[in-house]
PDB file of N, CA and C in Angstrom:
ATOM      1  N   UNK A   1     -10.044 -52.087 -82.246  1.00  0.00           N
ATOM      2  CA  UNK A   1     -10.564 -53.255 -81.457  1.00  0.00           C
ATOM      3  C   UNK A   1     -10.838 -52.856 -80.030  1.00  0.00           C
ATOM      4  N   UNK A   2     -11.960 -53.355 -79.484  1.00  0.00           N
ATOM      5  CA  UNK A   2     -12.299 -53.047 -78.118  1.00  0.00           C
ATOM      6  C   UNK A   2     -12.378 -54.323 -77.375  1.00  0.00           C
ATOM      7  N   UNK A   3     -11.770 -54.321 -76.206  1.00  0.00           N
ATOM      8  CA  UNK A   3     -11.789 -55.600 -75.347  1.00  0.00           C
ATOM      9  C   UNK A   3     -12.558 -55.130 -74.067  1.00  0.00           C
ATOM     10  N   UNK A   4     -13.555 -55.860 -73.766  1.00  0.00           N
ATOM     11  CA  UNK A   4     -14.340 -55.597 -72.570  1.00  0.00           C
ATOM     12  C   UNK A   4     -13.635 -56.111 -71.334  1.00  0.00           C
ATOM     13  N   UNK A   5     -13.513 -55.293 -70.367  1.00  0.00           N
ATOM     14  CA  UNK A   5     -12.972 -55.708 -69.092  1.00  0.00           C
ATOM     15  C   UNK A   5     -13.808 -55.270 -67.953  1.00  0.00           C
ATOM     16  N   UNK A   6     -15.071 -55.146 -68.202  1.00  0.00           N
ATOM     17  CA  UNK A   6     -16.105 -54.769 -67.123  1.00  0.00           C
ATOM     18  C   UNK A   6     -16.987 -55.959 -66.970  1.00  0.00           C
ATOM     19  N   UNK A   7     -17.884 -55.832 -66.027  1.00  0.00           N
ATOM     20  CA  UNK A   7     -18.843 -57.030 -65.748  1.00  0.00           C
ATOM     21  C   UNK A   7     -18.110 -58.204 -65.446  1.00  0.00           C
ATOM     22  N   UNK A   8     -18.362 -59.259 -66.230  1.00  0.00           N
ATOM     23  CA  UNK A   8     -17.541 -60.610 -65.979  1.00  0.00           C
ATOM     24  C   UNK A   8     -16.459 -60.730 -66.802  1.00  0.00           C
ATOM     25  N   UNK A   9     -16.159 -59.953 -67.832  1.00  0.00           N
ATOM     26  CA  UNK A   9     -15.112 -60.098 -68.718  1.00  0.00           C
ATOM     27  C   UNK A   9     -13.784 -59.701 -67.959  1.00  0.00           C
ATOM     28  N   UNK A  10     -12.747 -60.446 -68.096  1.00  0.00           N
ATOM     29  CA  UNK A  10     -11.540 -60.057 -67.480  1.00  0.00           C
ATOM     30  C   UNK A  10     -11.451 -60.332 -66.049  1.00  0.00           C
ATOM     31  N   UNK A  11     -12.243 -61.150 -65.540  1.00  0.00           N
ATOM     32  CA  UNK A  11     -12.260 -61.496 -64.111  1.00  0.00           C
ATOM     33  C   UNK A  11     -12.058 -62.968 -63.816  1.00  0.00           C
ATOM     34  N   UNK A  12     -11.753 -63.245 -62.588  1.00  0.00           N
ATOM     35  CA  UNK A  12     -11.489 -64.664 -62.177  1.00  0.00           C
ATOM     36  C   UNK A  12     -12.703 -65.517 -62.450  1.00  0.00           C
ATOM     37  N   UNK A  13     -13.952 -64.963 -62.836  1.00  0.00           N
ATOM     38  CA  UNK A  13     -15.149 -65.823 -63.131  1.00  0.00           C
ATOM     39  C   UNK A  13     -14.776 -66.600 -64.507  1.00  0.00           C
ATOM     40  N   UNK A  14     -13.798 -66.154 -65.333  1.00  0.00           N
ATOM     41  CA  UNK A  14     -13.327 -66.872 -66.471  1.00  0.00           C
ATOM     42  C   UNK A  14     -11.940 -67.585 -66.162  1.00  0.00           C
ATOM     43  N   UNK A  15     -11.984 -68.676 -65.581  1.00  0.00           N
ATOM     44  CA  UNK A  15     -10.788 -69.331 -65.195  1.00  0.00           C
ATOM     45  C   UNK A  15      -9.847 -69.758 -66.289  1.00  0.00           C
ATOM     46  N   UNK A  16      -8.642 -69.914 -66.020  1.00  0.00           N
ATOM     47  CA  UNK A  16      -7.726 -70.608 -66.969  1.00  0.00           C
ATOM     48  C   UNK A  16      -7.187 -69.631 -68.024  1.00  0.00           C
ATOM     49  N   UNK A  17      -7.628 -68.316 -67.968  1.00  0.00           N
ATOM     50  CA  UNK A  17      -7.067 -67.403 -68.905  1.00  0.00           C
ATOM     51  C   UNK A  17      -6.244 -66.321 -68.231  1.00  0.00           C
ATOM     52  N   UNK A  18      -5.224 -65.968 -68.709  1.00  0.00           N
ATOM     53  CA  UNK A  18      -4.379 -64.830 -68.057  1.00  0.00           C
ATOM     54  C   UNK A  18      -4.884 -63.626 -68.912  1.00  0.00           C
ATOM     55  N   UNK A  19      -5.741 -62.887 -68.379  1.00  0.00           N
ATOM     56  CA  UNK A  19      -6.420 -61.743 -69.062  1.00  0.00           C
ATOM     57  C   UNK A  19      -5.403 -60.581 -69.370  1.00  0.00           C
ATOM     58  N   UNK A  20      -4.484 -60.334 -68.455  1.00  0.00           N
ATOM     59  CA  UNK A  20      -3.416 -59.400 -68.769  1.00  0.00           C
ATOM     60  C   UNK A  20      -2.508 -59.856 -69.865  1.00  0.00           C
ATOM     61  N   UNK A  21      -2.202 -61.014 -69.922  1.00  0.00           N
ATOM     62  CA  UNK A  21      -1.307 -61.523 -71.068  1.00  0.00           C
ATOM     63  C   UNK A  21      -2.087 -61.557 -72.403  1.00  0.00           C
ATOM     64  N   UNK A  22      -3.434 -61.795 -72.382  1.00  0.00           N
ATOM     65  CA  UNK A  22      -4.123 -61.734 -73.650  1.00  0.00           C
ATOM     66  C   UNK A  22      -4.158 -60.257 -74.121  1.00  0.00           C
ATOM     67  N   UNK A  23      -4.446 -59.312 -73.253  1.00  0.00           N
ATOM     68  CA  UNK A  23      -4.435 -57.960 -73.671  1.00  0.00           C
ATOM     69  C   UNK A  23      -3.116 -57.487 -74.086  1.00  0.00           C
ATOM     70  N   UNK A  24      -1.994 -57.909 -73.482  1.00  0.00           N
ATOM     71  CA  UNK A  24      -0.632 -57.582 -73.867  1.00  0.00           C
ATOM     72  C   UNK A  24      -0.310 -58.085 -75.169  1.00  0.00           C
ATOM     73  N   UNK A  25      -0.623 -59.293 -75.348  1.00  0.00           N
ATOM     74  CA  UNK A  25      -0.386 -60.001 -76.661  1.00  0.00           C
ATOM     75  C   UNK A  25      -1.054 -59.363 -77.810  1.00  0.00           C
ATOM     76  N   UNK A  26      -2.422 -58.941 -77.609  1.00  0.00           N
ATOM     77  CA  UNK A  26      -3.095 -58.272 -78.732  1.00  0.00           C
ATOM     78  C   UNK A  26      -2.452 -56.835 -79.083  1.00  0.00           C
ATOM     79  N   UNK A  27      -2.212 -56.113 -77.920  1.00  0.00           N
ATOM     80  CA  UNK A  27      -1.577 -54.845 -78.152  1.00  0.00           C
ATOM     81  C   UNK A  27      -0.221 -54.888 -78.753  1.00  0.00           C
ATOM     82  N   UNK A  28       0.579 -55.869 -78.418  1.00  0.00           N
ATOM     83  CA  UNK A  28       1.861 -56.070 -79.046  1.00  0.00           C
ATOM     84  C   UNK A  28       1.781 -56.505 -80.405  1.00  0.00           C
ATOM     85  N   UNK A  29       0.955 -57.452 -80.786  1.00  0.00           N
ATOM     86  CA  UNK A  29       0.841 -57.999 -82.096  1.00  0.00           C
ATOM     87  C   UNK A  29       0.212 -57.117 -83.152  1.00  0.00           C
ATOM     88  N   UNK A  30      -0.631 -56.153 -82.567  1.00  0.00           N
ATOM     89  CA  UNK A  30      -1.329 -55.222 -83.484  1.00  0.00           C
ATOM     90  C   UNK A  30      -0.822 -53.882 -83.385  1.00  0.00           C
ATOM     91  N   UNK A  31       0.241 -53.650 -82.754  1.00  0.00           N
ATOM     92  CA  UNK A  31       0.741 -52.175 -82.468  1.00  0.00           C
ATOM     93  C   UNK A  31       0.752 -51.346 -83.759  1.00  0.00           C
ATOM     94  N   UNK A  32       1.296 -51.864 -84.901  1.00  0.00           N
ATOM     95  CA  UNK A  32       1.376 -51.033 -85.990  1.00  0.00           C
ATOM     96  C   UNK A  32       0.109 -51.109 -86.946  1.00  0.00           C
ATOM     97  N   UNK A  33      -0.861 -51.800 -86.642  1.00  0.00           N
ATOM     98  CA  UNK A  33      -2.065 -51.870 -87.604  1.00  0.00           C
ATOM     99  C   UNK A  33      -3.291 -51.594 -86.957  1.00  0.00           C
ATOM    100  N   UNK A  34      -3.473 -51.488 -85.591  1.00  0.00           N
ATOM    101  CA  UNK A  34      -4.743 -51.190 -85.028  1.00  0.00           C
ATOM    102  C   UNK A  34      -4.535 -50.752 -83.541  1.00  0.00           C
ATOM    103  N   UNK A  35      -5.500 -49.989 -83.063  1.00  0.00           N
ATOM    104  CA  UNK A  35      -5.537 -49.593 -81.709  1.00  0.00           C
ATOM    105  C   UNK A  35      -6.313 -50.630 -80.908  1.00  0.00           C
ATOM    106  N   UNK A  36      -5.860 -51.086 -79.775  1.00  0.00           N
ATOM    107  CA  UNK A  36      -6.493 -52.025 -78.949  1.00  0.00           C
ATOM    108  C   UNK A  36      -6.865 -51.255 -77.609  1.00  0.00           C
ATOM    109  N   UNK A  37      -8.350 -51.091 -77.535  1.00  0.00           N
ATOM    110  CA  UNK A  37      -8.799 -50.290 -76.502  1.00  0.00           C
ATOM    111  C   UNK A  37      -9.536 -51.147 -75.456  1.00  0.00           C
ATOM    112  N   UNK A  38      -9.526 -50.813 -74.155  1.00  0.00           N
ATOM    113  CA  UNK A  38     -10.180 -51.478 -73.173  1.00  0.00           C
ATOM    114  C   UNK A  38     -11.364 -50.691 -72.807  1.00  0.00           C
ATOM    115  N   UNK A  39     -12.568 -51.393 -72.662  1.00  0.00           N
ATOM    116  CA  UNK A  39     -13.725 -50.708 -72.286  1.00  0.00           C
ATOM    117  C   UNK A  39     -14.141 -51.190 -70.902  1.00  0.00           C
ATOM    118  N   UNK A  40     -15.130 -50.607 -70.394  1.00  0.00           N
ATOM    119  CA  UNK A  40     -15.959 -51.081 -69.227  1.00  0.00           C
ATOM    120  C   UNK A  40     -16.896 -52.107 -69.820  1.00  0.00           C
ATOM    121  N   UNK A  41     -17.925 -52.353 -68.976  1.00  0.00           N
ATOM    122  CA  UNK A  41     -18.835 -53.480 -69.356  1.00  0.00           C
ATOM    123  C   UNK A  41     -19.585 -53.056 -70.647  1.00  0.00           C
ATOM    124  N   UNK A  42     -19.656 -54.069 -71.592  1.00  0.00           N
ATOM    125  CA  UNK A  42     -20.405 -53.945 -72.762  1.00  0.00           C
ATOM    126  C   UNK A  42     -21.752 -54.641 -72.797  1.00  0.00           C
ATOM    127  N   UNK A  43     -22.150 -55.051 -71.614  1.00  0.00           N
ATOM    128  CA  UNK A  43     -23.534 -55.658 -71.376  1.00  0.00           C
ATOM    129  C   UNK A  43     -23.700 -56.754 -72.174  1.00  0.00           C
ATOM    130  N   UNK A  44     -22.765 -57.605 -72.427  1.00  0.00           N
ATOM    131  CA  UNK A  44     -22.956 -58.947 -73.057  1.00  0.00           C
ATOM    132  C   UNK A  44     -22.172 -59.889 -72.197  1.00  0.00           C
ATOM    133  N   UNK A  45     -22.421 -59.861 -70.789  1.00  0.00           N
ATOM    134  CA  UNK A  45     -21.745 -60.753 -69.940  1.00  0.00           C
ATOM    135  C   UNK A  45     -21.927 -62.189 -70.252  1.00  0.00           C
ATOM    136  N   UNK A  46     -23.039 -62.546 -70.829  1.00  0.00           N
ATOM    137  CA  UNK A  46     -23.319 -64.031 -71.076  1.00  0.00           C
ATOM    138  C   UNK A  46     -22.246 -64.451 -72.061  1.00  0.00           C
ATOM    139  N   UNK A  47     -21.617 -63.660 -72.878  1.00  0.00           N
ATOM    140  CA  UNK A  47     -20.626 -63.995 -73.925  1.00  0.00           C
ATOM    141  C   UNK A  47     -19.163 -63.758 -73.331  1.00  0.00           C
ATOM    142  N   UNK A  48     -18.938 -63.492 -72.025  1.00  0.00           N
ATOM    143  CA  UNK A  48     -17.605 -63.155 -71.521  1.00  0.00           C
ATOM    144  C   UNK A  48     -16.490 -64.180 -71.999  1.00  0.00           C
ATOM    145  N   UNK A  49     -15.485 -63.753 -72.311  1.00  0.00           N
ATOM    146  CA  UNK A  49     -14.857 -62.426 -72.653  1.00  0.00           C
ATOM    147  C   UNK A  49     -15.361 -61.875 -74.025  1.00  0.00           C
ATOM    148  N   UNK A  50     -15.609 -60.703 -74.152  1.00  0.00           N
ATOM    149  CA  UNK A  50     -16.015 -60.035 -75.390  1.00  0.00           C
ATOM    150  C   UNK A  50     -14.932 -59.194 -76.021  1.00  0.00           C
ATOM    151  N   UNK A  51     -14.671 -59.423 -77.335  1.00  0.00           N
ATOM    152  CA  UNK A  51     -13.779 -58.540 -78.013  1.00  0.00           C
ATOM    153  C   UNK A  51     -14.656 -58.100 -79.321  1.00  0.00           C
ATOM    154  N   UNK A  52     -14.580 -56.792 -79.639  1.00  0.00           N
ATOM    155  CA  UNK A  52     -15.169 -56.292 -80.789  1.00  0.00           C
ATOM    156  C   UNK A  52     -14.193 -55.700 -81.817  1.00  0.00           C
ATOM    157  N   UNK A  53     -14.208 -56.227 -82.925  1.00  0.00           N
ATOM    158  CA  UNK A  53     -13.327 -55.813 -83.934  1.00  0.00           C
ATOM    159  C   UNK A  53     -14.074 -54.871 -84.797  1.00  0.00           C
ATOM    160  N   UNK A  54     -13.615 -53.505 -84.906  1.00  0.00           N
ATOM    161  CA  UNK A  54     -14.201 -52.571 -85.766  1.00  0.00           C
ATOM    162  C   UNK A  54     -13.578 -52.587 -87.110  1.00  0.00           C
ATOM    163  N   UNK A  55     -14.165 -52.274 -88.134  1.00  0.00           N
ATOM    164  CA  UNK A  55     -13.556 -52.218 -89.403  1.00  0.00           C
ATOM    165  C   UNK A  55     -12.684 -50.960 -89.638  1.00  0.00           C
ATOM    166  N   UNK A  56     -11.708 -51.019 -90.427  1.00  0.00           N
ATOM    167  CA  UNK A  56     -10.937 -49.850 -90.723  1.00  0.00           C
ATOM    168  C   UNK A  56     -11.762 -48.941 -91.561  1.00  0.00           C
ATOM    169  N   UNK A  57     -11.313 -47.750 -91.942  1.00  0.00           N
ATOM    170  CA  UNK A  57     -12.019 -46.797 -92.835  1.00  0.00           C
ATOM    171  C   UNK A  57     -12.242 -47.523 -94.190  1.00  0.00           C
ATOM    172  N   UNK A  58     -11.238 -48.219 -94.467  1.00  0.00           N
ATOM    173  CA  UNK A  58     -11.443 -48.864 -95.942  1.00  0.00           C
ATOM    174  C   UNK A  58     -12.390 -50.075 -95.846  1.00  0.00           C
ATOM    175  N   UNK A  59     -12.321 -50.690 -94.725  1.00  0.00           N
ATOM    176  CA  UNK A  59     -13.229 -51.886 -94.326  1.00  0.00           C
ATOM    177  C   UNK A  59     -14.639 -51.348 -94.295  1.00  0.00           C
ATOM    178  N   UNK A  60     -14.968 -50.253 -93.648  1.00  0.00           N
ATOM    179  CA  UNK A  60     -16.351 -49.705 -93.493  1.00  0.00           C
ATOM    180  C   UNK A  60     -16.805 -49.264 -94.912  1.00  0.00           C
ATOM    181  N   UNK A  61     -15.905 -48.669 -95.686  1.00  0.00           N
ATOM    182  CA  UNK A  61     -16.389 -48.289 -97.097  1.00  0.00           C
ATOM    183  C   UNK A  61     -16.743 -49.361 -97.843  1.00  0.00           C
ATOM    184  N   UNK A  62     -16.050 -50.584 -97.693  1.00  0.00           N
ATOM    185  CA  UNK A  62     -16.369 -51.816 -98.404  1.00  0.00           C
ATOM    186  C   UNK A  62     -17.490 -52.548 -97.808  1.00  0.00           C
ATOM    187  N   UNK A  63     -18.105 -52.004 -96.744  1.00  0.00           N
ATOM    188  CA  UNK A  63     -19.409 -52.660 -96.182  1.00  0.00           C
ATOM    189  C   UNK A  63     -19.141 -53.361 -94.938  1.00  0.00           C
ATOM    190  N   UNK A  64     -17.881 -53.323 -94.435  1.00  0.00           N
ATOM    191  CA  UNK A  64     -17.578 -54.086 -93.258  1.00  0.00           C
ATOM    192  C   UNK A  64     -18.344 -53.403 -92.010  1.00  0.00           C
ATOM    193  N   UNK A  65     -18.707 -54.307 -91.082  1.00  0.00           N
ATOM    194  CA  UNK A  65     -19.328 -53.943 -89.896  1.00  0.00           C
ATOM    195  C   UNK A  65     -18.585 -54.385 -88.631  1.00  0.00           C
ATOM    196  N   UNK A  66     -18.823 -53.928 -87.451  1.00  0.00           N
ATOM    197  CA  UNK A  66     -18.132 -54.483 -86.246  1.00  0.00           C
ATOM    198  C   UNK A  66     -18.448 -55.957 -86.116  1.00  0.00           C
ATOM    199  N   UNK A  67     -17.376 -56.629 -85.806  1.00  0.00           N
ATOM    200  CA  UNK A  67     -17.611 -58.158 -85.520  1.00  0.00           C
ATOM    201  C   UNK A  67     -17.506 -58.324 -84.012  1.00  0.00           C
ATOM    202  N   UNK A  68     -18.598 -58.866 -83.453  1.00  0.00           N
ATOM    203  CA  UNK A  68     -18.607 -59.076 -81.947  1.00  0.00           C
ATOM    204  C   UNK A  68     -18.148 -60.529 -81.760  1.00  0.00           C
ATOM    205  N   UNK A  69     -17.108 -60.813 -80.978  1.00  0.00           N
ATOM    206  CA  UNK A  69     -16.716 -62.106 -80.637  1.00  0.00           C
ATOM    207  C   UNK A  69     -16.880 -62.447 -79.042  1.00  0.00           C
ATOM    208  N   UNK A  70     -17.336 -63.515 -78.763  1.00  0.00           N
ATOM    209  CA  UNK A  70     -17.619 -63.717 -77.308  1.00  0.00           C
ATOM    210  C   UNK A  70     -17.066 -65.089 -77.017  1.00  0.00           C
ATOM    211  N   UNK A  71     -16.870 -65.285 -75.760  1.00  0.00           N
ATOM    212  CA  UNK A  71     -16.219 -66.488 -75.143  1.00  0.00           C
ATOM    213  C   UNK A  71     -14.801 -66.638 -75.669  1.00  0.00           C
ATOM    214  N   UNK A  72     -14.135 -65.503 -75.859  1.00  0.00           N
ATOM    215  CA  UNK A  72     -12.631 -65.636 -76.345  1.00  0.00           C
ATOM    216  C   UNK A  72     -11.833 -65.781 -75.105  1.00  0.00           C
ATOM    217  N   UNK A  73     -11.870 -67.073 -74.754  1.00  0.00           N
ATOM    218  CA  UNK A  73     -11.280 -67.463 -73.465  1.00  0.00           C
ATOM    219  C   UNK A  73     -10.067 -68.448 -73.469  1.00  0.00           C
ATOM    220  N   UNK A  74      -9.520 -68.646 -74.713  1.00  0.00           N
ATOM    221  CA  UNK A  74      -8.285 -69.308 -74.790  1.00  0.00           C
ATOM    222  C   UNK A  74      -7.282 -68.584 -75.585  1.00  0.00           C
ATOM    223  N   UNK A  75      -6.061 -68.866 -75.312  1.00  0.00           N
ATOM    224  CA  UNK A  75      -4.839 -68.154 -75.949  1.00  0.00           C
ATOM    225  C   UNK A  75      -4.856 -68.316 -77.347  1.00  0.00           C
ATOM    226  N   UNK A  76      -5.227 -69.423 -77.979  1.00  0.00           N
ATOM    227  CA  UNK A  76      -5.104 -69.617 -79.384  1.00  0.00           C
ATOM    228  C   UNK A  76      -6.049 -68.573 -80.228  1.00  0.00           C
ATOM    229  N   UNK A  77      -7.161 -68.159 -79.591  1.00  0.00           N
ATOM    230  CA  UNK A  77      -8.033 -67.233 -80.262  1.00  0.00           C
ATOM    231  C   UNK A  77      -7.317 -65.995 -80.671  1.00  0.00           C
ATOM    232  N   UNK A  78      -6.388 -65.471 -79.761  1.00  0.00           N
ATOM    233  CA  UNK A  78      -5.686 -64.279 -80.110  1.00  0.00           C
ATOM    234  C   UNK A  78      -4.869 -64.328 -81.392  1.00  0.00           C
ATOM    235  N   UNK A  79      -4.242 -65.538 -81.644  1.00  0.00           N
ATOM    236  CA  UNK A  79      -3.583 -65.588 -82.919  1.00  0.00           C
ATOM    237  C   UNK A  79      -4.479 -65.487 -84.184  1.00  0.00           C
ATOM    238  N   UNK A  80      -5.697 -66.085 -84.085  1.00  0.00           N
ATOM    239  CA  UNK A  80      -6.594 -65.985 -85.168  1.00  0.00           C
ATOM    240  C   UNK A  80      -7.154 -64.475 -85.265  1.00  0.00           C
ATOM    241  N   UNK A  81      -7.418 -63.985 -84.227  1.00  0.00           N
ATOM    242  CA  UNK A  81      -7.922 -62.537 -84.242  1.00  0.00           C
ATOM    243  C   UNK A  81      -6.884 -61.723 -84.878  1.00  0.00           C
ATOM    244  N   UNK A  82      -5.648 -61.839 -84.413  1.00  0.00           N
ATOM    245  CA  UNK A  82      -4.556 -61.006 -84.887  1.00  0.00           C
ATOM    246  C   UNK A  82      -4.288 -61.238 -86.380  1.00  0.00           C
ATOM    247  N   UNK A  83      -4.353 -62.412 -86.829  1.00  0.00           N
ATOM    248  CA  UNK A  83      -4.137 -62.719 -88.187  1.00  0.00           C
ATOM    249  C   UNK A  83      -5.193 -62.013 -89.049  1.00  0.00           C
ATOM    250  N   UNK A  84      -6.478 -62.089 -88.633  1.00  0.00           N
ATOM    251  CA  UNK A  84      -7.578 -61.376 -89.423  1.00  0.00           C
ATOM    252  C   UNK A  84      -7.398 -59.938 -89.374  1.00  0.00           C
ATOM    253  N   UNK A  85      -7.048 -59.263 -88.132  1.00  0.00           N
ATOM    254  CA  UNK A  85      -6.970 -57.850 -88.221  1.00  0.00           C
ATOM    255  C   UNK A  85      -5.761 -57.404 -89.108  1.00  0.00           C
ATOM    256  N   UNK A  86      -4.704 -58.169 -89.104  1.00  0.00           N
ATOM    257  CA  UNK A  86      -3.478 -57.848 -89.896  1.00  0.00           C
ATOM    258  C   UNK A  86      -3.842 -57.971 -91.516  1.00  0.00           C
ATOM    259  N   UNK A  87      -4.738 -58.909 -91.787  1.00  0.00           N
ATOM    260  CA  UNK A  87      -5.105 -59.068 -93.124  1.00  0.00           C
ATOM    261  C   UNK A  87      -6.130 -58.078 -93.597  1.00  0.00           C
ATOM    262  N   UNK A  88      -6.672 -57.172 -92.629  1.00  0.00           N
ATOM    263  CA  UNK A  88      -7.632 -56.133 -93.116  1.00  0.00           C
ATOM    264  C   UNK A  88      -8.878 -56.055 -92.274  1.00  0.00           C
ATOM    265  N   UNK A  89      -9.206 -57.238 -91.639  1.00  0.00           N
ATOM    266  CA  UNK A  89     -10.335 -57.197 -90.723  1.00  0.00           C
ATOM    267  C   UNK A  89     -11.636 -57.123 -91.479  1.00  0.00           C
ATOM    268  N   UNK A  90     -12.744 -56.725 -90.815  1.00  0.00           N
ATOM    269  CA  UNK A  90     -14.031 -56.763 -91.337  1.00  0.00           C
ATOM    270  C   UNK A  90     -14.199 -55.823 -92.592  1.00  0.00           C
ATOM    271  N   UNK A  91     -14.779 -56.442 -93.704  1.00  0.00           N
ATOM    272  CA  UNK A  91     -14.982 -55.655 -94.904  1.00  0.00           C
ATOM    273  C   UNK A  91     -13.781 -55.889 -95.873  1.00  0.00           C
ATOM    274  N   UNK A  92     -12.682 -56.240 -95.413  1.00  0.00           N
ATOM    275  CA  UNK A  92     -11.554 -56.403 -96.278  1.00  0.00           C
ATOM    276  C   UNK A  92     -11.152 -57.903 -96.425  1.00  0.00           C
ATOM    277  N   UNK A  93     -11.064 -58.486 -95.294  1.00  0.00           N
ATOM    278  CA  UNK A  93     -10.581 -60.029 -95.317  1.00  0.00           C
ATOM    279  C   UNK A  93     -11.669 -60.802 -94.510  1.00  0.00           C
ATOM    280  N   UNK A  94     -11.760 -62.009 -95.059  1.00  0.00           N
ATOM    281  CA  UNK A  94     -12.612 -63.086 -94.362  1.00  0.00           C
ATOM    282  C   UNK A  94     -11.901 -63.478 -93.124  1.00  0.00           C
ATOM    283  N   UNK A  95     -12.797 -63.559 -92.130  1.00  0.00           N
ATOM    284  CA  UNK A  95     -12.076 -64.064 -90.815  1.00  0.00           C
ATOM    285  C   UNK A  95     -11.690 -65.551 -90.923  1.00  0.00           C
ATOM    286  N   UNK A  96     -10.677 -65.985 -90.264  1.00  0.00           N
ATOM    287  CA  UNK A  96     -10.393 -67.509 -90.206  1.00  0.00           C
ATOM    288  C   UNK A  96     -11.554 -68.116 -89.679  1.00  0.00           C
ATOM    289  N   UNK A  97     -11.855 -69.397 -90.362  1.00  0.00           N
ATOM    290  CA  UNK A  97     -13.129 -70.108 -90.153  1.00  0.00           C
ATOM    291  C   UNK A  97     -13.362 -70.372 -88.633  1.00  0.00           C
ATOM    292  N   UNK A  98     -12.304 -70.654 -87.884  1.00  0.00           N
ATOM    293  CA  UNK A  98     -12.500 -70.884 -86.499  1.00  0.00           C
ATOM    294  C   UNK A  98     -13.173 -69.749 -85.717  1.00  0.00           C
ATOM    295  N   UNK A  99     -13.008 -68.474 -86.137  1.00  0.00           N
ATOM    296  CA  UNK A  99     -13.693 -67.351 -85.543  1.00  0.00           C
ATOM    297  C   UNK A  99     -15.245 -67.372 -85.572  1.00  0.00           C
ATOM    298  N   UNK A 100     -15.754 -68.245 -86.534  1.00  0.00           N
ATOM    299  CA  UNK A 100     -17.085 -68.375 -86.535  1.00  0.00           C
ATOM    300  C   UNK A 100     -17.755 -68.917 -85.254  1.00  0.00           C
ATOM    301  N   UNK A 101     -16.870 -69.706 -84.402  1.00  0.00           N
ATOM    302  CA  UNK A 101     -17.297 -70.204 -83.151  1.00  0.00           C
ATOM    303  C   UNK A 101     -17.424 -69.117 -82.075  1.00  0.00           C
ATOM    304  N   UNK A 102     -16.826 -67.945 -82.375  1.00  0.00           N
ATOM    305  CA  UNK A 102     -17.007 -66.888 -81.384  1.00  0.00           C
ATOM    306  C   UNK A 102     -18.012 -65.787 -81.673  1.00  0.00           C
ATOM    307  N   UNK A 103     -18.431 -65.694 -82.952  1.00  0.00           N
ATOM    308  CA  UNK A 103     -19.317 -64.640 -83.417  1.00  0.00           C
ATOM    309  C   UNK A 103     -20.638 -64.611 -82.814  1.00  0.00           C
ATOM    310  N   UNK A 104     -21.104 -63.482 -82.284  1.00  0.00           N
ATOM    311  CA  UNK A 104     -22.498 -63.315 -81.777  1.00  0.00           C
ATOM    312  C   UNK A 104     -23.108 -62.120 -82.201  1.00  0.00           C
ATOM    313  N   UNK A 105     -24.316 -61.848 -82.160  1.00  0.00           N
ATOM    314  CA  UNK A 105     -24.949 -60.652 -82.435  1.00  0.00           C
ATOM    315  C   UNK A 105     -25.413 -59.942 -81.239  1.00  0.00           C
ATOM    316  N   UNK A 106     -24.869 -58.789 -81.035  1.00  0.00           N
ATOM    317  CA  UNK A 106     -25.114 -58.042 -79.760  1.00  0.00           C
ATOM    318  C   UNK A 106     -26.467 -57.423 -79.981  1.00  0.00           C
ATOM    319  N   UNK A 107     -27.099 -57.053 -78.882  1.00  0.00           N
ATOM    320  CA  UNK A 107     -28.348 -56.300 -79.061  1.00  0.00           C
ATOM    321  C   UNK A 107     -28.148 -54.901 -79.614  1.00  0.00           C
ATOM    322  N   UNK A 108     -29.286 -54.232 -80.166  1.00  0.00           N
ATOM    323  CA  UNK A 108     -29.108 -53.074 -80.640  1.00  0.00           C
ATOM    324  C   UNK A 108     -28.581 -52.031 -79.671  1.00  0.00           C
ATOM    325  N   UNK A 109     -29.106 -52.176 -78.438  1.00  0.00           N
ATOM    326  CA  UNK A 109     -28.783 -51.118 -77.573  1.00  0.00           C
ATOM    327  C   UNK A 109     -27.278 -51.367 -77.112  1.00  0.00           C
ATOM    328  N   UNK A 110     -26.793 -52.520 -77.090  1.00  0.00           N
ATOM    329  CA  UNK A 110     -25.239 -52.720 -76.721  1.00  0.00           C
ATOM    330  C   UNK A 110     -24.444 -52.200 -77.925  1.00  0.00           C
ATOM    331  N   UNK A 111     -24.841 -52.545 -79.205  1.00  0.00           N
ATOM    332  CA  UNK A 111     -24.114 -52.063 -80.372  1.00  0.00           C
ATOM    333  C   UNK A 111     -24.046 -50.678 -80.383  1.00  0.00           C
ATOM    334  N   UNK A 112     -25.163 -49.957 -80.086  1.00  0.00           N
ATOM    335  CA  UNK A 112     -25.190 -48.446 -80.116  1.00  0.00           C
ATOM    336  C   UNK A 112     -24.401 -47.803 -79.024  1.00  0.00           C
ATOM    337  N   UNK A 113     -24.225 -48.537 -77.824  1.00  0.00           N
ATOM    338  CA  UNK A 113     -23.416 -47.941 -76.803  1.00  0.00           C
ATOM    339  C   UNK A 113     -21.902 -47.891 -77.237  1.00  0.00           C
ATOM    340  N   UNK A 114     -21.460 -48.740 -78.035  1.00  0.00           N
ATOM    341  CA  UNK A 114     -20.076 -48.790 -78.542  1.00  0.00           C
ATOM    342  C   UNK A 114     -19.774 -47.870 -79.635  1.00  0.00           C
ATOM    343  N   UNK A 115     -20.850 -47.496 -80.300  1.00  0.00           N
ATOM    344  CA  UNK A 115     -20.636 -46.561 -81.530  1.00  0.00           C
ATOM    345  C   UNK A 115     -20.055 -45.279 -81.208  1.00  0.00           C
TER     346      UNK A 115
END
């Protein structure tokens, strides 16, 4: 999992969210199943805060592709993201329906920069 903390993500421009607590929660909740990395700007600022869920090796083999989630600006989203990753993530488990509200398609240039 990659969490953008450059550009507008992780800044005071997204009010009402404790960005540090969000990151700490995801790292703590997923410590034994996934690596949670922080990146600089992913050039998708119009979707701030951005989190990208990469599939595991098994998920990629099953056809899973990275899921780009934008506007992840509430604490409840972290629980849904954690549940999905713990269940196997892209290619293995279907995401909780509420995450459909956050999914967006990043541009090819942006997707390539993260690969």
